[in-house]
Amino acid sequence: MAAFLANFVSLLVFVLWLLVLGRVIVSWVDPLGRNALSAFLIQTTEPFLAPIRRMLPPTGMIDFSPLILMLILGVILRVVRF
C-alpha cells in the first residue's frame, strides 16, 4: 500500500512539474492565454503559483514563482522516491 501511495504521489508531482514547465514555455509564445492550451495551463497551475508569487518581492518583468515551484516539486519528488 505504501509503494502504491508513493508512486501515486510521484506521478501527481511529476505531472504538475510538467504542467508548470508547459506554462513557462507557452508564456513565451502566448502570455495572455488566448488559445485553449494556454488557458488550460494557466488555470491548472495558477492555484500553485499565486501563493508563491505573493510571497516574493517584485522583480520587474521576471516571474520566479515557476522556478521556485519546480524546485519545491523536485524536492518532494526526491523525498517520495527515497
PDB file of N, CA and C in Angstrom:
ATOM      1  N   MET A   1       0.820  -1.201   0.000  1.00  0.00           N
ATOM      2  CA  MET A   1       0.000   0.000   0.000  1.00  0.00           C
ATOM      3  C   MET A   1       0.862   1.263   0.000  1.00  0.00           C
ATOM      4  N   ALA A   2       1.956   1.230   0.758  1.00  0.00           N
ATOM      5  CA  ALA A   2       2.830   2.398   0.835  1.00  0.00           C
ATOM      6  C   ALA A   2       3.501   2.651  -0.509  1.00  0.00           C
ATOM      7  N   ALA A   3       3.867   1.587  -1.210  1.00  0.00           N
ATOM      8  CA  ALA A   3       4.501   1.744  -2.523  1.00  0.00           C
ATOM      9  C   ALA A   3       3.517   2.344  -3.526  1.00  0.00           C
ATOM     10  N   PHE A   4       2.266   1.914  -3.459  1.00  0.00           N
ATOM     11  CA  PHE A   4       1.247   2.475  -4.350  1.00  0.00           C
ATOM     12  C   PHE A   4       1.068   3.958  -4.083  1.00  0.00           C
ATOM     13  N   LEU A   5       0.985   4.337  -2.814  1.00  0.00           N
ATOM     14  CA  LEU A   5       0.801   5.737  -2.446  1.00  0.00           C
ATOM     15  C   LEU A   5       2.003   6.572  -2.883  1.00  0.00           C
ATOM     16  N   ALA A   6       3.199   6.040  -2.694  1.00  0.00           N
ATOM     17  CA  ALA A   6       4.408   6.764  -3.117  1.00  0.00           C
ATOM     18  C   ALA A   6       4.428   6.941  -4.629  1.00  0.00           C
ATOM     19  N   ASN A   7       4.061   5.908  -5.370  1.00  0.00           N
ATOM     20  CA  ASN A   7       4.012   6.017  -6.828  1.00  0.00           C
ATOM     21  C   ASN A   7       2.950   7.004  -7.283  1.00  0.00           C
ATOM     22  N   PHE A   8       1.807   7.001  -6.628  1.00  0.00           N
ATOM     23  CA  PHE A   8       0.716   7.907  -6.975  1.00  0.00           C
ATOM     24  C   PHE A   8       1.129   9.359  -6.738  1.00  0.00           C
ATOM     25  N   VAL A   9       1.724   9.631  -5.578  1.00  0.00           N
ATOM     26  CA  VAL A   9       2.175  10.991  -5.268  1.00  0.00           C
ATOM     27  C   VAL A   9       3.272  11.406  -6.237  1.00  0.00           C
ATOM     28  N   SER A  10       4.187  10.494  -6.548  1.00  0.00           N
ATOM     29  CA  SER A  10       5.256  10.794  -7.509  1.00  0.00           C
ATOM     30  C   SER A  10       4.670  11.163  -8.866  1.00  0.00           C
ATOM     31  N   LEU A  11       3.679  10.418  -9.299  1.00  0.00           N
ATOM     32  CA  LEU A  11       3.052  10.703 -10.588  1.00  0.00           C
ATOM     33  C   LEU A  11       2.365  12.066 -10.577  1.00  0.00           C
ATOM     34  N   LEU A  12       1.635  12.373  -9.521  1.00  0.00           N
ATOM     35  CA  LEU A  12       0.961  13.675  -9.437  1.00  0.00           C
ATOM     36  C   LEU A  12       1.957  14.827  -9.426  1.00  0.00           C
ATOM     37  N   VAL A  13       3.021  14.677  -8.662  1.00  0.00           N
ATOM     38  CA  VAL A  13       4.034  15.734  -8.583  1.00  0.00           C
ATOM     39  C   VAL A  13       4.716  15.909  -9.933  1.00  0.00           C
ATOM     40  N   PHE A  14       5.024  14.809 -10.604  1.00  0.00           N
ATOM     41  CA  PHE A  14       5.679  14.891 -11.905  1.00  0.00           C
ATOM     42  C   PHE A  14       4.763  15.533 -12.944  1.00  0.00           C
ATOM     43  N   VAL A  15       3.494  15.196 -12.926  1.00  0.00           N
ATOM     44  CA  VAL A  15       2.544  15.802 -13.877  1.00  0.00           C
ATOM     45  C   VAL A  15       2.419  17.303 -13.609  1.00  0.00           C
ATOM     46  N   LEU A  16       2.368  17.700 -12.346  1.00  0.00           N
ATOM     47  CA  LEU A  16       2.306  19.124 -12.021  1.00  0.00           C
ATOM     48  C   LEU A  16       3.582  19.824 -12.472  1.00  0.00           C
ATOM     49  N   TRP A  17       4.733  19.172 -12.304  1.00  0.00           N
ATOM     50  CA  TRP A  17       6.004  19.731 -12.755  1.00  0.00           C
ATOM     51  C   TRP A  17       5.977  19.959 -14.266  1.00  0.00           C
ATOM     52  N   LEU A  18       5.452  18.980 -15.005  1.00  0.00           N
ATOM     53  CA  LEU A  18       5.345  19.124 -16.457  1.00  0.00           C
ATOM     54  C   LEU A  18       4.378  20.243 -16.854  1.00  0.00           C
ATOM     55  N   LEU A  19       3.278  20.372 -16.118  1.00  0.00           N
ATOM     56  CA  LEU A  19       2.327  21.447 -16.406  1.00  0.00           C
ATOM     57  C   LEU A  19       2.955  22.819 -16.196  1.00  0.00           C
ATOM     58  N   VAL A  20       3.744  22.956 -15.122  1.00  0.00           N
ATOM     59  CA  VAL A  20       4.423  24.236 -14.867  1.00  0.00           C
ATOM     60  C   VAL A  20       5.448  24.510 -15.967  1.00  0.00           C
ATOM     61  N   LEU A  21       6.194  23.497 -16.363  1.00  0.00           N
ATOM     62  CA  LEU A  21       7.147  23.656 -17.455  1.00  0.00           C
ATOM     63  C   LEU A  21       6.420  24.051 -18.745  1.00  0.00           C
ATOM     64  N   GLY A  22       5.289  23.424 -19.017  1.00  0.00           N
ATOM     65  CA  GLY A  22       4.497  23.781 -20.187  1.00  0.00           C
ATOM     66  C   GLY A  22       4.019  25.216 -20.122  1.00  0.00           C
ATOM     67  N   ARG A  23       3.628  25.658 -18.937  1.00  0.00           N
ATOM     68  CA  ARG A  23       3.175  27.045 -18.803  1.00  0.00           C
ATOM     69  C   ARG A  23       4.312  28.021 -19.064  1.00  0.00           C
ATOM     70  N   VAL A  24       5.493  27.690 -18.582  1.00  0.00           N
ATOM     71  CA  VAL A  24       6.644  28.566 -18.828  1.00  0.00           C
ATOM     72  C   VAL A  24       6.916  28.665 -20.322  1.00  0.00           C
ATOM     73  N   ILE A  25       6.920  27.543 -20.999  1.00  0.00           N
ATOM     74  CA  ILE A  25       7.205  27.540 -22.435  1.00  0.00           C
ATOM     75  C   ILE A  25       6.107  28.275 -23.206  1.00  0.00           C
ATOM     76  N   VAL A  26       4.859  28.022 -22.863  1.00  0.00           N
ATOM     77  CA  VAL A  26       3.747  28.668 -23.567  1.00  0.00           C
ATOM     78  C   VAL A  26       3.711  30.173 -23.276  1.00  0.00           C
ATOM     79  N   SER A  27       4.180  30.583 -22.100  1.00  0.00           N
ATOM     80  CA  SER A  27       4.154  32.009 -21.765  1.00  0.00           C
ATOM     81  C   SER A  27       5.058  32.826 -22.679  1.00  0.00           C
ATOM     82  N   TRP A  28       6.042  32.201 -23.291  1.00  0.00           N
ATOM     83  CA  TRP A  28       6.897  32.927 -24.234  1.00  0.00           C
ATOM     84  C   TRP A  28       6.162  33.162 -25.546  1.00  0.00           C
ATOM     85  N   VAL A  29       5.232  32.271 -25.886  1.00  0.00           N
ATOM     86  CA  VAL A  29       4.534  32.360 -27.166  1.00  0.00           C
ATOM     87  C   VAL A  29       3.195  33.074 -27.024  1.00  0.00           C
ATOM     88  N   ASP A  30       2.437  32.721 -26.011  1.00  0.00           N
ATOM     89  CA  ASP A  30       1.088  33.260 -25.812  1.00  0.00           C
ATOM     90  C   ASP A  30       0.893  33.645 -24.343  1.00  0.00           C
ATOM     91  N   PRO A  31       1.466  34.762 -23.905  1.00  0.00           N
ATOM     92  CA  PRO A  31       1.399  35.115 -22.484  1.00  0.00           C
ATOM     93  C   PRO A  31       0.003  35.470 -21.982  1.00  0.00           C
ATOM     94  N   LEU A  32      -0.900  35.825 -22.875  1.00  0.00           N
ATOM     95  CA  LEU A  32      -2.247  36.199 -22.454  1.00  0.00           C
ATOM     96  C   LEU A  32      -3.196  35.010 -22.359  1.00  0.00           C
ATOM     97  N   GLY A  33      -2.793  33.858 -22.827  1.00  0.00           N
ATOM     98  CA  GLY A  33      -3.630  32.669 -22.744  1.00  0.00           C
ATOM     99  C   GLY A  33      -4.827  32.706 -23.662  1.00  0.00           C
ATOM    100  N   ARG A  34      -4.616  33.069 -24.907  1.00  0.00           N
ATOM    101  CA  ARG A  34      -5.735  33.209 -25.841  1.00  0.00           C
ATOM    102  C   ARG A  34      -6.191  31.898 -26.464  1.00  0.00           C
ATOM    103  N   ASN A  35      -5.338  30.868 -26.473  1.00  0.00           N
ATOM    104  CA  ASN A  35      -5.812  29.601 -27.039  1.00  0.00           C
ATOM    105  C   ASN A  35      -6.129  28.616 -25.921  1.00  0.00           C
ATOM    106  N   ALA A  36      -6.691  27.493 -26.259  1.00  0.00           N
ATOM    107  CA  ALA A  36      -7.200  26.547 -25.260  1.00  0.00           C
ATOM    108  C   ALA A  36      -6.082  25.944 -24.416  1.00  0.00           C
ATOM    109  N   LEU A  37      -4.956  25.597 -25.026  1.00  0.00           N
ATOM    110  CA  LEU A  37      -3.858  25.006 -24.268  1.00  0.00           C
ATOM    111  C   LEU A  37      -3.294  25.992 -23.257  1.00  0.00           C
ATOM    112  N   SER A  38      -3.079  27.219 -23.678  1.00  0.00           N
ATOM    113  CA  SER A  38      -2.565  28.241 -22.764  1.00  0.00           C
ATOM    114  C   SER A  38      -3.532  28.482 -21.611  1.00  0.00           C
ATOM    115  N   ALA A  39      -4.803  28.582 -21.919  1.00  0.00           N
ATOM    116  CA  ALA A  39      -5.805  28.808 -20.873  1.00  0.00           C
ATOM    117  C   ALA A  39      -5.841  27.640 -19.895  1.00  0.00           C
ATOM    118  N   PHE A  40      -5.751  26.420 -20.403  1.00  0.00           N
ATOM    119  CA  PHE A  40      -5.741  25.241 -19.529  1.00  0.00           C
ATOM    120  C   PHE A  40      -4.528  25.252 -18.605  1.00  0.00           C
ATOM    121  N   LEU A  41      -3.357  25.548 -19.154  1.00  0.00           N
ATOM    122  CA  LEU A  41      -2.146  25.562 -18.338  1.00  0.00           C
ATOM    123  C   LEU A  41      -2.192  26.659 -17.280  1.00  0.00           C
ATOM    124  N   ILE A  42      -2.712  27.809 -17.639  1.00  0.00           N
ATOM    125  CA  ILE A  42      -2.820  28.905 -16.676  1.00  0.00           C
ATOM    126  C   ILE A  42      -3.801  28.545 -15.570  1.00  0.00           C
ATOM    127  N   GLN A  43      -4.966  28.020 -15.922  1.00  0.00           N
ATOM    128  CA  GLN A  43      -5.967  27.676 -14.918  1.00  0.00           C
ATOM    129  C   GLN A  43      -5.499  26.536 -14.013  1.00  0.00           C
ATOM    130  N   THR A  44      -4.717  25.622 -14.541  1.00  0.00           N
ATOM    131  CA  THR A  44      -4.267  24.479 -13.760  1.00  0.00           C
ATOM    132  C   THR A  44      -3.138  24.850 -12.806  1.00  0.00           C
ATOM    133  N   THR A  45      -2.232  25.697 -13.232  1.00  0.00           N
ATOM    134  CA  THR A  45      -1.054  25.992 -12.419  1.00  0.00           C
ATOM    135  C   THR A  45      -1.193  27.228 -11.540  1.00  0.00           C
ATOM    136  N   GLU A  46      -2.106  28.111 -11.855  1.00  0.00           N
ATOM    137  CA  GLU A  46      -2.228  29.361 -11.093  1.00  0.00           C
ATOM    138  C   GLU A  46      -2.506  29.148  -9.600  1.00  0.00           C
ATOM    139  N   PRO A  47      -3.326  28.178  -9.190  1.00  0.00           N
ATOM    140  CA  PRO A  47      -3.529  27.986  -7.742  1.00  0.00           C
ATOM    141  C   PRO A  47      -2.238  27.623  -6.996  1.00  0.00           C
ATOM    142  N   PHE A  48      -1.269  27.069  -7.679  1.00  0.00           N
ATOM    143  CA  PHE A  48       0.001  26.724  -7.043  1.00  0.00           C
ATOM    144  C   PHE A  48       1.008  27.870  -7.123  1.00  0.00           C
ATOM    145  N   LEU A  49       0.927  28.649  -8.190  1.00  0.00           N
ATOM    146  CA  LEU A  49       1.884  29.732  -8.393  1.00  0.00           C
ATOM    147  C   LEU A  49       1.510  31.010  -7.647  1.00  0.00           C
ATOM    148  N   ALA A  50       0.237  31.287  -7.497  1.00  0.00           N
ATOM    149  CA  ALA A  50      -0.206  32.548  -6.889  1.00  0.00           C
ATOM    150  C   ALA A  50       0.303  32.735  -5.459  1.00  0.00           C
ATOM    151  N   PRO A  51       0.230  31.726  -4.579  1.00  0.00           N
ATOM    152  CA  PRO A  51       0.754  31.937  -3.219  1.00  0.00           C
ATOM    153  C   PRO A  51       2.260  32.207  -3.196  1.00  0.00           C
ATOM    154  N   ILE A  52       2.999  31.543  -4.067  1.00  0.00           N
ATOM    155  CA  ILE A  52       4.441  31.773  -4.138  1.00  0.00           C
ATOM    156  C   ILE A  52       4.710  33.182  -4.651  1.00  0.00           C
ATOM    157  N   ARG A  53       3.957  33.604  -5.655  1.00  0.00           N
ATOM    158  CA  ARG A  53       4.118  34.942  -6.230  1.00  0.00           C
ATOM    159  C   ARG A  53       3.834  36.022  -5.194  1.00  0.00           C
ATOM    160  N   ARG A  54       2.858  35.787  -4.302  1.00  0.00           N
ATOM    161  CA  ARG A  54       2.541  36.773  -3.267  1.00  0.00           C
ATOM    162  C   ARG A  54       3.663  36.905  -2.249  1.00  0.00           C
ATOM    163  N   MET A  55       4.412  35.825  -2.004  1.00  0.00           N
ATOM    164  CA  MET A  55       5.492  35.868  -1.007  1.00  0.00           C
ATOM    165  C   MET A  55       6.775  36.486  -1.560  1.00  0.00           C
ATOM    166  N   LEU A  56       6.944  36.482  -2.870  1.00  0.00           N
ATOM    167  CA  LEU A  56       8.170  37.002  -3.471  1.00  0.00           C
ATOM    168  C   LEU A  56       8.111  38.515  -3.614  1.00  0.00           C
ATOM    169  N   PRO A  57       9.258  39.167  -3.457  1.00  0.00           N
ATOM    170  CA  PRO A  57       9.273  40.614  -3.718  1.00  0.00           C
ATOM    171  C   PRO A  57       9.161  40.877  -5.217  1.00  0.00           C
ATOM    172  N   PRO A  58       8.683  42.038  -5.610  1.00  0.00           N
ATOM    173  CA  PRO A  58       8.574  42.355  -7.038  1.00  0.00           C
ATOM    174  C   PRO A  58       9.958  42.364  -7.699  1.00  0.00           C
ATOM    175  N   THR A  59      10.037  41.730  -8.858  1.00  0.00           N
ATOM    176  CA  THR A  59      11.313  41.643  -9.566  1.00  0.00           C
ATOM    177  C   THR A  59      11.211  42.212 -10.977  1.00  0.00           C
ATOM    178  N   GLY A  60      10.227  43.008 -11.233  1.00  0.00           N
ATOM    179  CA  GLY A  60      10.084  43.603 -12.557  1.00  0.00           C
ATOM    180  C   GLY A  60       9.401  42.655 -13.523  1.00  0.00           C
ATOM    181  N   MET A  61      10.046  42.418 -14.641  1.00  0.00           N
ATOM    182  CA  MET A  61       9.442  41.617 -15.704  1.00  0.00           C
ATOM    183  C   MET A  61       9.599  40.111 -15.507  1.00  0.00           C
ATOM    184  N   ILE A  62      10.465  39.696 -14.602  1.00  0.00           N
ATOM    185  CA  ILE A  62      10.758  38.272 -14.454  1.00  0.00           C
ATOM    186  C   ILE A  62       9.949  37.691 -13.300  1.00  0.00           C
ATOM    187  N   ASP A  63       9.264  36.596 -13.573  1.00  0.00           N
ATOM    188  CA  ASP A  63       8.466  35.898 -12.567  1.00  0.00           C
ATOM    189  C   ASP A  63       9.226  34.636 -12.155  1.00  0.00           C
ATOM    190  N   PHE A  64       9.695  34.621 -10.914  1.00  0.00           N
ATOM    191  CA  PHE A  64      10.467  33.488 -10.416  1.00  0.00           C
ATOM    192  C   PHE A  64       9.600  32.412  -9.771  1.00  0.00           C
ATOM    193  N   SER A  65       8.300  32.621  -9.679  1.00  0.00           N
ATOM    194  CA  SER A  65       7.442  31.647  -8.999  1.00  0.00           C
ATOM    195  C   SER A  65       7.431  30.277  -9.677  1.00  0.00           C
ATOM    196  N   PRO A  66       7.446  30.162 -11.013  1.00  0.00           N
ATOM    197  CA  PRO A  66       7.514  28.814 -11.602  1.00  0.00           C
ATOM    198  C   PRO A  66       8.807  28.085 -11.251  1.00  0.00           C
ATOM    199  N   LEU A  67       9.919  28.819 -11.225  1.00  0.00           N
ATOM    200  CA  LEU A  67      11.195  28.201 -10.869  1.00  0.00           C
ATOM    201  C   LEU A  67      11.163  27.685  -9.438  1.00  0.00           C
ATOM    202  N   ILE A  68      10.643  28.486  -8.529  1.00  0.00           N
ATOM    203  CA  ILE A  68      10.576  28.068  -7.128  1.00  0.00           C
ATOM    204  C   ILE A  68       9.647  26.877  -6.968  1.00  0.00           C
ATOM    205  N   LEU A  69       8.499  26.906  -7.641  1.00  0.00           N
ATOM    206  CA  LEU A  69       7.568  25.776  -7.559  1.00  0.00           C
ATOM    207  C   LEU A  69       8.202  24.508  -8.126  1.00  0.00           C
ATOM    208  N   MET A  70       8.914  24.628  -9.234  1.00  0.00           N
ATOM    209  CA  MET A  70       9.551  23.454  -9.817  1.00  0.00           C
ATOM    210  C   MET A  70      10.643  22.905  -8.895  1.00  0.00           C
ATOM    211  N   LEU A  71      11.357  23.781  -8.209  1.00  0.00           N
ATOM    212  CA  LEU A  71      12.355  23.323  -7.238  1.00  0.00           C
ATOM    213  C   LEU A  71      11.686  22.600  -6.069  1.00  0.00           C
ATOM    214  N   ILE A  72      10.597  23.155  -5.566  1.00  0.00           N
ATOM    215  CA  ILE A  72       9.860  22.521  -4.463  1.00  0.00           C
ATOM    216  C   ILE A  72       9.320  21.162  -4.897  1.00  0.00           C
ATOM    217  N   LEU A  73       8.758  21.106  -6.098  1.00  0.00           N
ATOM    218  CA  LEU A  73       8.236  19.832  -6.603  1.00  0.00           C
ATOM    219  C   LEU A  73       9.358  18.813  -6.797  1.00  0.00           C
ATOM    220  N   GLY A  74      10.521  19.267  -7.230  1.00  0.00           N
ATOM    221  CA  GLY A  74      11.659  18.376  -7.375  1.00  0.00           C
ATOM    222  C   GLY A  74      12.100  17.790  -6.046  1.00  0.00           C
ATOM    223  N   VAL A  75      12.091  18.613  -5.004  1.00  0.00           N
ATOM    224  CA  VAL A  75      12.444  18.135  -3.667  1.00  0.00           C
ATOM    225  C   VAL A  75      11.413  17.121  -3.180  1.00  0.00           C
ATOM    226  N   ILE A  76      10.138  17.421  -3.392  1.00  0.00           N
ATOM    227  CA  ILE A  76       9.076  16.492  -2.977  1.00  0.00           C
ATOM    228  C   ILE A  76       9.229  15.168  -3.724  1.00  0.00           C
ATOM    229  N   LEU A  77       9.531  15.242  -4.997  1.00  0.00           N
ATOM    230  CA  LEU A  77       9.703  14.031  -5.795  1.00  0.00           C
ATOM    231  C   LEU A  77      10.871  13.184  -5.287  1.00  0.00           C
ATOM    232  N   ARG A  78      11.962  13.834  -4.935  1.00  0.00           N
ATOM    233  CA  ARG A  78      13.117  13.084  -4.399  1.00  0.00           C
ATOM    234  C   ARG A  78      12.804  12.488  -3.038  1.00  0.00           C
ATOM    235  N   VAL A  79      12.068  13.207  -2.198  1.00  0.00           N
ATOM    236  CA  VAL A  79      11.727  12.691  -0.866  1.00  0.00           C
ATOM    237  C   VAL A  79      10.794  11.498  -0.989  1.00  0.00           C
ATOM    238  N   VAL A  80       9.822  11.574  -1.885  1.00  0.00           N
ATOM    239  CA  VAL A  80       8.859  10.490  -2.039  1.00  0.00           C
ATOM    240  C   VAL A  80       9.539   9.247  -2.616  1.00  0.00           C
ATOM    241  N   ARG A  81      10.466   9.433  -3.532  1.00  0.00           N
ATOM    242  CA  ARG A  81      11.160   8.300  -4.134  1.00  0.00           C
ATOM    243  C   ARG A  81      12.192   7.683  -3.202  1.00  0.00           C
ATOM    244  N   PHE A  82      12.645   8.435  -2.207  1.00  0.00           N
ATOM    245  CA  PHE A  82      13.648   7.926  -1.276  1.00  0.00           C
ATOM    246  C   PHE A  82      12.981   7.085  -0.254  1.00  0.00           C
TER     247      PHE A  82
END
